[in-house]
Amino acid sequence: MPFLYLVVVILVIATIISLVLSFLGILVVGALRLLPLVLILLVAAILLGKVRITVVRGGDRKRDRWLDD
């Protein structure tokens, strides 16, 4: 009889793990489907001047600034 309870507990744990992984998979697929839209919006915001990207190298921010106008 204890063996039967152990099998039931293992099956319940496996079901819970499967549901959690399925939910995480749905989230990842949803995020990947939104990625092109997010990239298009980011490029549009950069081109319109709403977002400014600054790449800094080293410690001196004034001297090593790239893409500065």
N, C-alpha and C. Protein backbone atom coordinates (compact mmCIF):
# COMPACT_ATOMS: atom_id res chain seq x y z
N MET A 1 0.80 -1.20 0.00
CA MET A 1 0.00 0.00 0.00
C MET A 1 0.85 1.28 0.00
N PRO A 2 1.96 1.36 0.76
CA PRO A 2 2.78 2.58 0.71
C PRO A 2 3.35 2.83 -0.68
N PHE A 3 3.60 1.74 -1.41
CA PHE A 3 4.12 1.90 -2.77
C PHE A 3 3.12 2.62 -3.65
N LEU A 4 1.84 2.31 -3.50
CA LEU A 4 0.78 2.95 -4.29
C LEU A 4 0.71 4.44 -3.97
N TYR A 5 0.82 4.80 -2.68
CA TYR A 5 0.80 6.21 -2.29
C TYR A 5 2.00 6.96 -2.87
N LEU A 6 3.14 6.30 -2.88
CA LEU A 6 4.34 6.91 -3.44
C LEU A 6 4.18 7.18 -4.93
N VAL A 7 3.58 6.24 -5.65
CA VAL A 7 3.34 6.42 -7.08
C VAL A 7 2.38 7.58 -7.31
N VAL A 8 1.32 7.68 -6.50
CA VAL A 8 0.35 8.77 -6.63
C VAL A 8 1.02 10.12 -6.36
N VAL A 9 1.84 10.18 -5.33
CA VAL A 9 2.52 11.43 -5.00
C VAL A 9 3.47 11.83 -6.13
N ILE A 10 4.19 10.88 -6.67
CA ILE A 10 5.11 11.18 -7.77
C ILE A 10 4.34 11.66 -9.00
N LEU A 11 3.20 11.06 -9.29
CA LEU A 11 2.39 11.50 -10.43
C LEU A 11 1.84 12.91 -10.22
N VAL A 12 1.43 13.22 -9.00
CA VAL A 12 0.93 14.57 -8.71
C VAL A 12 2.04 15.60 -8.87
N ILE A 13 3.23 15.29 -8.36
CA ILE A 13 4.37 16.20 -8.50
C ILE A 13 4.73 16.38 -9.97
N ALA A 14 4.72 15.30 -10.74
CA ALA A 14 5.02 15.39 -12.16
C ALA A 14 3.99 16.24 -12.89
N THR A 15 2.73 16.14 -12.50
CA THR A 15 1.67 16.95 -13.11
C THR A 15 1.89 18.43 -12.82
N ILE A 16 2.23 18.75 -11.59
CA ILE A 16 2.46 20.15 -11.21
C ILE A 16 3.66 20.71 -11.97
N ILE A 17 4.73 19.94 -12.05
CA ILE A 17 5.92 20.39 -12.79
C ILE A 17 5.58 20.58 -14.27
N SER A 18 4.80 19.69 -14.84
CA SER A 18 4.41 19.80 -16.23
C SER A 18 3.58 21.06 -16.48
N LEU A 19 2.65 21.35 -15.58
CA LEU A 19 1.83 22.55 -15.72
C LEU A 19 2.67 23.83 -15.62
N VAL A 20 3.61 23.84 -14.69
CA VAL A 20 4.47 25.02 -14.53
C VAL A 20 5.33 25.23 -15.78
N LEU A 21 5.92 24.16 -16.29
CA LEU A 21 6.74 24.28 -17.50
C LEU A 21 5.91 24.70 -18.71
N SER A 22 4.69 24.20 -18.80
CA SER A 22 3.81 24.59 -19.89
C SER A 22 3.48 26.08 -19.81
N PHE A 23 3.20 26.56 -18.60
CA PHE A 23 2.90 27.98 -18.42
C PHE A 23 4.11 28.84 -18.79
N LEU A 24 5.30 28.41 -18.38
CA LEU A 24 6.51 29.16 -18.73
C LEU A 24 6.75 29.15 -20.24
N GLY A 25 6.45 28.04 -20.88
CA GLY A 25 6.57 27.97 -22.33
C GLY A 25 5.64 28.93 -23.03
N ILE A 26 4.41 29.05 -22.52
CA ILE A 26 3.45 30.00 -23.09
C ILE A 26 3.97 31.42 -22.93
N LEU A 27 4.56 31.74 -21.78
CA LEU A 27 5.10 33.08 -21.56
C LEU A 27 6.25 33.37 -22.52
N VAL A 28 7.14 32.40 -22.71
CA VAL A 28 8.29 32.61 -23.60
C VAL A 28 7.83 32.79 -25.04
N VAL A 29 6.88 31.98 -25.48
CA VAL A 29 6.38 32.11 -26.85
C VAL A 29 5.68 33.45 -27.04
N GLY A 30 4.92 33.87 -26.04
CA GLY A 30 4.27 35.18 -26.12
C GLY A 30 5.28 36.31 -26.21
N ALA A 31 6.34 36.21 -25.42
CA ALA A 31 7.37 37.25 -25.46
C ALA A 31 8.09 37.26 -26.80
N LEU A 32 8.35 36.09 -27.36
CA LEU A 32 9.02 36.03 -28.65
C LEU A 32 8.14 36.57 -29.77
N ARG A 33 6.82 36.41 -29.64
CA ARG A 33 5.92 36.93 -30.66
C ARG A 33 5.86 38.45 -30.61
N LEU A 34 6.08 39.04 -29.43
CA LEU A 34 6.05 40.49 -29.30
C LEU A 34 7.38 41.15 -29.65
N LEU A 35 8.43 40.38 -29.75
CA LEU A 35 9.77 40.93 -29.97
C LEU A 35 9.87 41.79 -31.24
N PRO A 36 9.37 41.37 -32.40
CA PRO A 36 9.47 42.23 -33.59
C PRO A 36 8.75 43.57 -33.40
N LEU A 37 7.60 43.56 -32.75
CA LEU A 37 6.87 44.80 -32.51
C LEU A 37 7.66 45.73 -31.60
N VAL A 38 8.26 45.18 -30.56
CA VAL A 38 9.07 45.99 -29.64
C VAL A 38 10.28 46.58 -30.36
N LEU A 39 10.93 45.79 -31.20
CA LEU A 39 12.09 46.30 -31.94
C LEU A 39 11.70 47.39 -32.93
N ILE A 40 10.56 47.24 -33.59
CA ILE A 40 10.09 48.27 -34.52
C ILE A 40 9.77 49.56 -33.78
N LEU A 41 9.12 49.45 -32.62
CA LEU A 41 8.81 50.64 -31.82
C LEU A 41 10.08 51.32 -31.32
N LEU A 42 11.08 50.53 -30.93
CA LEU A 42 12.34 51.10 -30.46
C LEU A 42 13.07 51.83 -31.59
N VAL A 43 13.11 51.25 -32.77
CA VAL A 43 13.76 51.90 -33.91
C VAL A 43 13.02 53.19 -34.27
N ALA A 44 11.69 53.15 -34.26
CA ALA A 44 10.91 54.35 -34.55
C ALA A 44 11.18 55.44 -33.51
N ALA A 45 11.25 55.07 -32.25
CA ALA A 45 11.52 56.05 -31.19
C ALA A 45 12.91 56.65 -31.34
N ILE A 46 13.88 55.85 -31.74
CA ILE A 46 15.24 56.36 -31.94
C ILE A 46 15.27 57.32 -33.14
N LEU A 47 14.61 56.93 -34.23
CA LEU A 47 14.63 57.78 -35.42
C LEU A 47 13.87 59.08 -35.21
N LEU A 48 12.83 59.07 -34.39
CA LEU A 48 12.08 60.29 -34.11
C LEU A 48 12.75 61.15 -33.04
N GLY A 49 13.79 60.65 -32.43
CA GLY A 49 14.51 61.42 -31.43
C GLY A 49 13.94 61.32 -30.03
N LYS A 50 13.02 60.42 -29.80
CA LYS A 50 12.42 60.26 -28.47
C LYS A 50 13.35 59.50 -27.53
N VAL A 51 14.18 58.62 -28.10
CA VAL A 51 15.12 57.82 -27.30
C VAL A 51 16.52 58.10 -27.84
N ARG A 52 17.45 58.29 -26.94
CA ARG A 52 18.83 58.55 -27.34
C ARG A 52 19.72 57.48 -26.75
N ILE A 53 20.53 56.87 -27.59
CA ILE A 53 21.43 55.81 -27.14
C ILE A 53 22.84 56.38 -27.13
N THR A 54 23.50 56.25 -26.00
CA THR A 54 24.87 56.72 -25.85
C THR A 54 25.73 55.54 -25.43
N VAL A 55 26.80 55.31 -26.18
CA VAL A 55 27.75 54.25 -25.85
C VAL A 55 28.97 54.91 -25.25
N VAL A 56 29.34 54.49 -24.03
CA VAL A 56 30.46 55.10 -23.32
C VAL A 56 31.53 54.05 -23.12
N ARG A 57 32.78 54.43 -23.43
CA ARG A 57 33.91 53.53 -23.21
C ARG A 57 34.84 54.16 -22.21
N GLY A 58 35.32 53.38 -21.26
CA GLY A 58 36.28 53.89 -20.29
C GLY A 58 35.63 54.68 -19.18
N GLY A 59 36.47 55.39 -18.41
CA GLY A 59 35.96 56.11 -17.26
C GLY A 59 35.62 57.56 -17.54
N ASP A 60 36.28 58.19 -18.52
CA ASP A 60 36.04 59.60 -18.81
C ASP A 60 34.87 59.71 -19.78
N ARG A 61 33.73 60.09 -19.27
CA ARG A 61 32.51 60.12 -20.07
C ARG A 61 32.57 61.18 -21.17
N LYS A 62 33.20 62.29 -20.91
CA LYS A 62 33.22 63.36 -21.90
C LYS A 62 34.15 63.03 -23.07
N ARG A 63 35.28 62.43 -22.79
CA ARG A 63 36.29 62.17 -23.81
C ARG A 63 35.95 60.96 -24.68
N ASP A 64 35.35 59.92 -24.10
CA ASP A 64 35.15 58.66 -24.82
C ASP A 64 33.73 58.48 -25.34
N ARG A 65 32.99 59.52 -25.48
CA ARG A 65 31.59 59.37 -25.89
C ARG A 65 31.49 59.12 -27.39
N TRP A 66 30.63 58.16 -27.76
CA TRP A 66 30.36 57.85 -29.16
C TRP A 66 28.95 58.31 -29.48
N LEU A 67 28.66 58.46 -30.73
CA LEU A 67 27.31 58.78 -31.23
C LEU A 67 26.74 60.01 -30.54
N ASP A 68 27.57 60.99 -30.27
CA ASP A 68 27.12 62.21 -29.61
C ASP A 68 26.94 63.28 -30.66
N ASP A 69 25.89 64.11 -30.51
CA ASP A 69 25.73 65.16 -31.52
C ASP A 69 26.30 66.45 -31.07
